[in-house]
Amino acid sequence: MTGILRNYPQRSQAILLVAIFVLFLAPPATASKPGWLIRQNSQTYGIVKTLVSADGMRLEMGDIKVGMQAPQYRVKFWNQRTKFYFEETIEEFQERVPKRNIPKGWLKKVVAGQPFEETLAGVKGKHYRWIGYDPKNTSHFLVLFDYVCTENLGLPKKLNDVASICCYVPPGKGLPLRITGGGNIVYLQTTLVNKAVVDPAIFKLPKGYTKVNSEMEVLMKERGMAKEDDVSDLFKAIPKHD
């Protein structure tokens, strides 16, 4: 280094030294962090690869990607092939989640499942049942979702809660590993959990994409349609019920 500095005036040497120290001491702008690679089978999307760290979560289903980044956790859907995207807050996403019907006058609650502790893909989790029940006769109930969640991956509670909302189960129990519904339909099943180093840049929406009006348009809309008409009306959300 002294050989390099010898060719610079004294004032320039001082500036160069400061620049070198800043370069070595400053942390990388997008430093990768320890996280997890999770592979799950989804009834809706098929095989889903999920990358999570303390910075956020990204789901990959072929050309369809979903990214959420702390602290706001805005939900961003994009299609890598058509270059369309849709974005909303996690609260807006939660508001349009289809409601599970229960008889009038019944209530909902989360109870422990049996067995309460389970291990999926090498990860310990806890088993819960989200039920609707008759408060006048608690032996009358129906299971809305049966699910296993884990809090053993060292992830922030907010991220675990966001993951639960995205899987339509009540937050507060951890990251979902398995979800089944009525008739023992398996909606989500975890098959692999591996440690990974995760670059927070993957949670961000890529540049150069065109915004559309709904998640369904990201899934279905194609470039070259007549005037690229809005197709979201063809796939209206399921009406909500209390």
Protein backbone atom coordinates (compact mmCIF):
# COMPACT_ATOMS: atom_id res chain seq x y z
CA MET A 1 0.00 0.00 0.00
CA THR A 2 2.88 2.39 0.77
CA GLY A 3 4.12 1.93 -2.77
CA ILE A 4 0.74 3.01 -4.11
CA LEU A 5 0.47 6.01 -1.76
CA ARG A 6 3.97 7.25 -2.74
CA ASN A 7 2.52 8.33 -6.10
CA TYR A 8 -0.12 10.61 -4.50
CA PRO A 9 0.27 14.12 -2.92
CA GLN A 10 -0.02 14.18 0.91
CA ARG A 11 -3.60 15.51 0.94
CA SER A 12 -4.69 12.92 -1.64
CA GLN A 13 -3.00 10.19 0.44
CA ALA A 14 -5.15 11.12 3.46
CA ILE A 15 -8.37 11.05 1.38
CA LEU A 16 -7.41 7.71 -0.15
CA LEU A 17 -6.68 6.19 3.28
CA VAL A 18 -10.09 7.30 4.60
CA ALA A 19 -11.78 5.79 1.56
CA ILE A 20 -9.96 2.48 2.04
CA PHE A 21 -10.93 2.26 5.73
CA VAL A 22 -14.58 3.05 4.93
CA LEU A 23 -14.54 0.35 2.26
CA PHE A 24 -13.25 -2.29 4.67
CA LEU A 25 -15.29 -1.28 7.73
CA ALA A 26 -18.70 -0.63 6.15
CA PRO A 27 -21.04 -3.68 6.18
CA PRO A 28 -22.32 -4.96 2.82
CA ALA A 29 -25.53 -3.23 1.72
CA THR A 30 -27.37 -6.55 1.27
CA ALA A 31 -25.57 -8.98 3.56
CA SER A 32 -26.88 -12.54 3.35
CA LYS A 33 -28.15 -14.05 6.59
CA PRO A 34 -28.71 -17.54 7.97
CA GLY A 35 -32.12 -18.89 7.03
CA TRP A 36 -33.98 -21.92 5.76
CA LEU A 37 -34.90 -23.62 2.53
CA ILE A 38 -38.27 -25.36 2.88
CA ARG A 39 -39.95 -27.55 0.28
CA GLN A 40 -43.69 -28.17 0.60
CA ASN A 41 -46.42 -29.84 -1.42
CA SER A 42 -49.38 -27.51 -1.90
CA GLN A 43 -52.78 -28.59 -3.16
CA THR A 44 -53.12 -25.25 -4.96
CA TYR A 45 -49.64 -24.65 -6.34
CA GLY A 46 -47.97 -28.06 -6.43
CA ILE A 47 -44.38 -28.09 -5.19
CA VAL A 48 -43.52 -24.84 -3.39
CA LYS A 49 -39.97 -23.83 -2.53
CA THR A 50 -39.80 -21.34 0.34
CA LEU A 51 -36.76 -19.33 1.43
CA VAL A 52 -37.03 -17.60 4.82
CA SER A 53 -34.74 -15.59 7.08
CA ALA A 54 -35.17 -12.84 9.66
CA ASP A 55 -35.46 -10.44 6.69
CA GLY A 56 -38.48 -11.99 5.02
CA MET A 57 -39.98 -14.84 3.06
CA ARG A 58 -40.10 -15.86 -0.61
CA LEU A 59 -42.26 -18.58 -2.16
CA GLU A 60 -41.45 -20.02 -5.58
CA MET A 61 -44.00 -21.96 -7.65
CA GLY A 62 -42.43 -22.24 -11.10
CA ASP A 63 -42.71 -18.84 -12.79
CA ILE A 64 -44.85 -17.47 -9.94
CA LYS A 65 -42.98 -15.84 -7.06
CA VAL A 66 -44.29 -14.31 -3.85
CA GLY A 67 -42.07 -12.06 -1.75
CA MET A 68 -42.56 -10.42 1.66
CA GLN A 69 -39.94 -8.34 3.45
CA ALA A 70 -39.70 -7.07 7.02
CA PRO A 71 -40.89 -4.90 8.60
CA GLN A 72 -43.99 -4.06 6.51
CA TYR A 73 -44.41 -7.53 4.93
CA ARG A 74 -46.21 -6.21 1.88
CA VAL A 75 -47.25 -9.19 -0.24
CA LYS A 76 -45.80 -9.04 -3.77
CA PHE A 77 -46.87 -11.55 -6.41
CA TRP A 78 -45.01 -11.64 -9.71
CA ASN A 79 -44.85 -13.79 -12.84
CA GLN A 80 -41.30 -14.21 -14.02
CA ARG A 81 -42.43 -15.17 -17.54
CA THR A 82 -45.08 -12.53 -18.31
CA LYS A 83 -43.50 -9.78 -16.16
CA PHE A 84 -46.79 -8.90 -14.43
CA TYR A 85 -47.01 -8.16 -10.70
CA PHE A 86 -49.56 -7.34 -8.00
CA GLU A 87 -48.88 -5.92 -4.54
CA GLU A 88 -50.93 -5.43 -1.37
CA THR A 89 -50.50 -5.14 2.39
CA ILE A 90 -50.67 -8.26 4.53
CA GLU A 91 -53.83 -6.77 6.09
CA GLU A 92 -55.45 -6.46 2.64
CA PHE A 93 -54.48 -10.05 1.86
CA GLN A 94 -55.96 -11.23 5.16
CA GLU A 95 -59.18 -9.32 4.49
CA ARG A 96 -59.82 -11.22 1.24
CA VAL A 97 -59.03 -14.68 2.64
CA PRO A 98 -62.20 -16.80 2.20
CA LYS A 99 -64.00 -17.21 5.51
CA ARG A 100 -64.78 -20.67 6.88
CA ASN A 101 -68.51 -21.18 7.35
CA ILE A 102 -69.90 -22.30 10.69
CA PRO A 103 -73.55 -22.56 11.83
CA LYS A 104 -75.17 -19.40 13.12
CA GLY A 105 -74.46 -18.84 16.81
CA TRP A 106 -71.38 -21.06 16.84
CA LEU A 107 -67.92 -19.82 17.85
CA LYS A 108 -64.37 -20.58 16.75
CA LYS A 109 -61.30 -21.50 18.77
CA VAL A 110 -57.92 -23.24 18.51
CA VAL A 111 -57.37 -26.41 20.57
CA ALA A 112 -54.49 -28.86 20.95
CA GLY A 113 -54.43 -31.79 18.53
CA GLN A 114 -53.42 -35.36 19.24
CA PRO A 115 -50.56 -36.09 19.36
CA PHE A 116 -49.67 -32.55 20.41
CA GLU A 117 -45.99 -32.75 19.43
CA GLU A 118 -44.98 -33.96 15.96
CA THR A 119 -41.83 -33.95 13.83
CA LEU A 120 -42.02 -33.15 10.12
CA ALA A 121 -38.96 -33.20 7.85
CA GLY A 122 -36.75 -33.28 10.94
CA VAL A 123 -38.37 -30.22 12.55
CA LYS A 124 -40.30 -30.41 15.81
CA GLY A 125 -43.70 -28.78 15.75
CA LYS A 126 -46.99 -28.62 17.64
CA HIS A 127 -50.32 -29.91 16.46
CA TYR A 128 -53.46 -27.74 16.60
CA ARG A 129 -57.07 -27.88 15.47
CA TRP A 130 -59.06 -24.81 14.54
CA ILE A 131 -62.67 -25.68 15.24
CA GLY A 132 -66.15 -24.22 15.10
CA TYR A 133 -68.28 -25.29 18.03
CA ASP A 134 -71.71 -24.87 19.62
CA PRO A 135 -71.22 -22.91 22.88
CA LYS A 136 -74.40 -24.49 24.22
CA ASN A 137 -73.13 -28.00 23.58
CA THR A 138 -69.36 -28.21 23.04
CA SER A 139 -69.61 -31.83 21.88
CA HIS A 140 -71.05 -30.38 18.67
CA PHE A 141 -68.13 -29.08 16.62
CA LEU A 142 -66.51 -29.20 13.21
CA VAL A 143 -62.83 -28.97 12.27
CA LEU A 144 -61.99 -26.00 10.05
CA PHE A 145 -58.29 -26.80 9.78
CA ASP A 146 -55.99 -29.32 11.40
CA TYR A 147 -52.40 -28.05 11.32
CA VAL A 148 -48.86 -28.35 12.64
CA CYS A 149 -46.69 -25.27 13.23
CA THR A 150 -43.15 -24.79 14.47
CA GLU A 151 -41.45 -22.06 16.48
CA ASN A 152 -38.09 -23.87 16.38
CA LEU A 153 -36.53 -22.21 13.32
CA GLY A 154 -35.44 -19.04 15.12
CA LEU A 155 -37.62 -16.80 12.93
CA PRO A 156 -39.29 -13.56 14.12
CA LYS A 157 -42.82 -13.97 15.47
CA LYS A 158 -44.14 -11.46 12.93
CA LEU A 159 -42.80 -13.54 10.04
CA ASN A 160 -44.35 -16.72 11.48
CA ASP A 161 -47.66 -14.88 11.84
CA VAL A 162 -47.50 -13.65 8.23
CA ALA A 163 -46.81 -17.20 7.04
CA SER A 164 -49.86 -18.43 8.97
CA ILE A 165 -52.08 -15.73 7.46
CA CYS A 166 -50.87 -16.72 3.98
CA CYS A 167 -51.84 -20.33 4.79
CA TYR A 168 -55.32 -19.32 6.08
CA VAL A 169 -54.74 -20.56 9.65
CA PRO A 170 -54.80 -18.45 12.84
CA PRO A 171 -51.48 -16.72 13.60
CA GLY A 172 -49.60 -17.04 16.86
CA LYS A 173 -48.51 -20.69 16.75
CA GLY A 174 -45.45 -20.55 14.48
CA LEU A 175 -44.60 -21.35 10.86
CA PRO A 176 -47.05 -23.85 9.26
CA LEU A 177 -45.57 -27.24 8.34
CA ARG A 178 -48.75 -29.19 7.57
CA ILE A 179 -52.37 -28.18 7.00
CA THR A 180 -55.33 -30.48 6.41
CA GLY A 181 -59.01 -29.69 6.05
CA GLY A 182 -62.34 -31.43 5.99
CA GLY A 183 -62.25 -34.95 4.58
CA ASN A 184 -58.55 -35.14 5.48
CA ILE A 185 -57.64 -33.11 2.42
CA VAL A 186 -53.94 -32.20 2.70
CA TYR A 187 -53.55 -28.54 1.72
CA LEU A 188 -49.89 -28.25 2.71
CA GLN A 189 -47.25 -30.84 3.56
CA THR A 190 -43.59 -30.08 4.37
CA THR A 191 -41.15 -32.57 2.84
CA LEU A 192 -37.77 -30.86 3.33
CA VAL A 193 -36.23 -28.30 5.71
CA ASN A 194 -32.56 -27.37 5.25
CA LYS A 195 -30.41 -24.57 6.60
CA ALA A 196 -29.50 -21.97 3.97
CA VAL A 197 -27.79 -18.62 3.51
CA VAL A 198 -30.40 -16.16 2.23
CA ASP A 199 -29.78 -12.92 0.34
CA PRO A 200 -32.46 -10.35 1.37
CA ALA A 201 -32.52 -9.04 -2.21
CA ILE A 202 -34.61 -12.07 -3.23
CA PHE A 203 -37.58 -10.74 -1.23
CA LYS A 204 -37.80 -7.62 -3.40
CA LEU A 205 -39.89 -7.18 -6.54
CA PRO A 206 -37.69 -7.22 -9.67
CA LYS A 207 -37.54 -4.06 -11.76
CA GLY A 208 -39.28 -3.63 -15.10
CA TYR A 209 -42.55 -5.41 -14.26
CA THR A 210 -46.08 -4.16 -15.11
CA LYS A 211 -48.64 -3.84 -12.29
CA VAL A 212 -52.03 -5.56 -12.67
CA ASN A 213 -55.19 -5.44 -10.58
CA SER A 214 -55.21 -8.80 -8.79
CA GLU A 215 -53.26 -11.88 -7.78
CA MET A 216 -55.36 -13.87 -10.27
CA GLU A 217 -54.16 -11.67 -13.12
CA VAL A 218 -50.57 -12.44 -12.17
CA LEU A 219 -51.46 -16.14 -12.46
CA MET A 220 -53.60 -16.01 -15.61
CA LYS A 221 -53.01 -12.86 -17.65
CA GLU A 222 -50.93 -13.12 -20.83
CA ARG A 223 -49.12 -10.47 -22.83
CA GLY A 224 -50.70 -9.75 -26.20
CA MET A 225 -54.35 -10.00 -25.10
CA ALA A 226 -56.65 -7.53 -26.83
CA LYS A 227 -55.78 -4.24 -25.12
CA GLU A 228 -54.48 -6.42 -22.27
CA ASP A 229 -57.98 -6.37 -20.79
CA ASP A 230 -58.49 -6.82 -17.06
CA VAL A 231 -59.23 -10.51 -16.43
CA SER A 232 -59.77 -10.24 -12.68
CA ASP A 233 -63.57 -10.09 -13.05
CA LEU A 234 -63.51 -13.63 -14.45
CA PHE A 235 -62.14 -14.88 -11.13
CA LYS A 236 -64.04 -12.99 -8.44
CA ALA A 237 -63.16 -13.91 -4.84
CA ILE A 238 -65.40 -16.31 -2.96
CA PRO A 239 -68.07 -14.27 -1.10
CA LYS A 240 -67.20 -13.81 2.54
CA HIS A 241 -69.23 -15.18 5.40
CA ASP A 242 -68.95 -14.49 9.10
